[in-house]
Protein backbone atom coordinates (compact mmCIF):
# COMPACT_ATOMS: atom_id res chain seq x y z
CA MET A 1 62.92 3.18 -55.41
CA THR A 2 62.83 5.02 -58.66
CA GLU A 3 59.89 7.12 -60.22
CA LYS A 4 59.27 8.02 -63.47
CA ASN A 5 56.40 10.55 -65.14
CA GLU A 6 54.91 8.96 -68.05
CA LYS A 7 52.02 9.94 -70.03
CA TYR A 8 49.55 7.21 -71.42
CA PHE A 9 45.89 6.76 -72.18
CA LYS A 10 43.09 5.11 -69.93
CA ILE A 11 40.57 3.43 -71.76
CA GLN A 12 37.35 2.44 -70.52
CA PHE A 13 35.20 0.09 -72.88
CA ILE A 14 32.02 -2.16 -72.94
CA ASP A 15 33.32 -5.73 -73.98
CA ALA A 16 31.11 -8.35 -75.46
CA LYS A 17 29.61 -9.22 -72.12
CA LYS A 18 28.06 -5.96 -71.77
CA GLU A 19 30.78 -5.20 -68.85
CA ILE A 20 32.86 -1.82 -68.51
CA LEU A 21 36.75 -2.65 -68.67
CA THR A 22 39.42 -0.27 -67.88
CA PHE A 23 42.98 -0.78 -69.09
CA TYR A 24 46.05 1.54 -70.01
CA ALA A 25 48.19 1.83 -73.33
CA LYS A 26 50.71 3.99 -74.55
CA SER A 27 49.12 4.85 -78.00
CA VAL A 28 45.45 5.47 -78.90
CA ASN A 29 45.06 7.08 -82.73
CA PRO A 30 42.25 7.39 -85.25
CA SER A 31 41.87 4.13 -87.58
CA SER A 32 41.85 4.10 -91.10
CA TYR A 33 38.95 1.71 -90.84
CA ILE A 34 35.62 4.11 -90.48
CA GLY A 35 34.27 3.90 -86.50
CA LEU A 36 37.18 2.28 -85.24
CA ILE A 37 40.05 3.55 -82.75
CA GLU A 38 43.45 1.94 -82.95
CA VAL A 39 44.90 1.16 -79.55
CA SER A 40 48.38 -0.16 -79.11
CA ASN A 41 51.03 -0.68 -76.70
CA ILE A 42 48.77 -1.99 -73.93
CA LEU A 43 50.07 -1.80 -70.25
CA PHE A 44 49.52 -4.06 -67.85
CA MET A 45 50.40 -3.92 -63.77
CA ASP A 46 53.49 -6.38 -63.27
CA SER A 47 53.35 -7.21 -59.66
CA GLU A 48 54.01 -10.69 -58.19
CA ILE A 49 52.12 -9.85 -55.16
CA LEU A 50 49.18 -8.01 -55.88
CA ILE A 51 46.36 -9.18 -57.80
CA ASN A 52 43.73 -7.15 -59.51
CA PRO A 53 40.69 -8.84 -60.65
CA GLU A 54 39.75 -6.22 -63.21
CA ASP A 55 43.22 -6.52 -64.58
CA GLU A 56 43.42 -10.19 -64.86
CA LYS A 57 40.19 -9.84 -67.09
CA VAL A 58 42.11 -7.11 -69.18
CA ARG A 59 45.01 -9.45 -69.45
CA LYS A 60 43.02 -12.38 -70.69
CA GLU A 61 40.96 -10.34 -73.08
CA PHE A 62 44.25 -8.90 -74.86
CA LYS A 63 46.87 -11.78 -74.22
CA GLY A 64 48.82 -11.65 -77.54
CA VAL A 65 47.58 -8.75 -78.89
CA LYS A 66 49.83 -6.28 -80.24
CA ARG A 67 47.14 -3.47 -81.24
CA THR A 68 43.24 -3.61 -81.12
CA PHE A 69 40.79 -1.52 -82.91
CA LEU A 70 37.59 -0.62 -80.73
CA PRO A 71 34.49 0.51 -82.03
CA LEU A 72 33.43 4.18 -81.25
CA SER A 73 30.32 2.84 -79.59
CA ALA A 74 32.09 0.58 -77.42
CA ILE A 75 34.01 3.36 -76.13
CA VAL A 76 32.75 5.14 -72.92
CA ARG A 77 36.03 7.17 -72.00
CA ILE A 78 39.78 7.79 -72.95
CA ASP A 79 41.71 9.95 -71.01
CA GLU A 80 45.44 11.14 -71.02
CA VAL A 81 46.94 10.75 -67.94
CA GLU A 82 50.16 11.37 -66.50
CA GLU A 83 51.23 9.45 -63.24
CA SER A 84 54.23 8.39 -61.35
CA LYS A 85 54.71 4.80 -61.62
CA THR A 86 57.01 3.29 -58.92
CA LYS A 87 58.59 -0.38 -58.24
CA VAL A 88 56.41 -2.62 -56.51
CA LEU A 89 58.32 -3.90 -53.25
CA LYS A 90 58.86 -7.15 -52.66
CA LEU A 91 57.39 -7.88 -49.21
CA LEU A 92 58.85 -11.44 -49.04
CA PRO A 93 62.68 -12.33 -48.87
CA ASP A 94 63.56 -14.69 -52.26
CA ASN A 95 64.27 -17.84 -50.41
CA GLU A 96 61.24 -18.32 -48.63
C-alpha cells in the first residue's frame, strides 16, 4: 500500500437546492468574472466497494465539468488540506 501526501482544496458551497455540498479540487483561483471563484481538477473518491451518498451527489452535479465558476455568495468555506491518500483495498477476489 502506498501513501502520498498531496495538497488540495476542500470546498463547501450551497447548491441550487439550498443544500451544502462538499467536494475536493486541486485548483481554486480568483476568476476574471467579477464575483466568481474558478474551481478546476475536481476530485472524486474512486472505490468499487464504498459508496458515499454525498460524493454521488457531487459526481452527478459536476459530471463532465472541466472547471466551474462558483459565486462568492454560495461559498461557505474553502480549506487547503494536506492528507495522506491510500489505495482502497479490495475485499472480494476478482473471480467472485
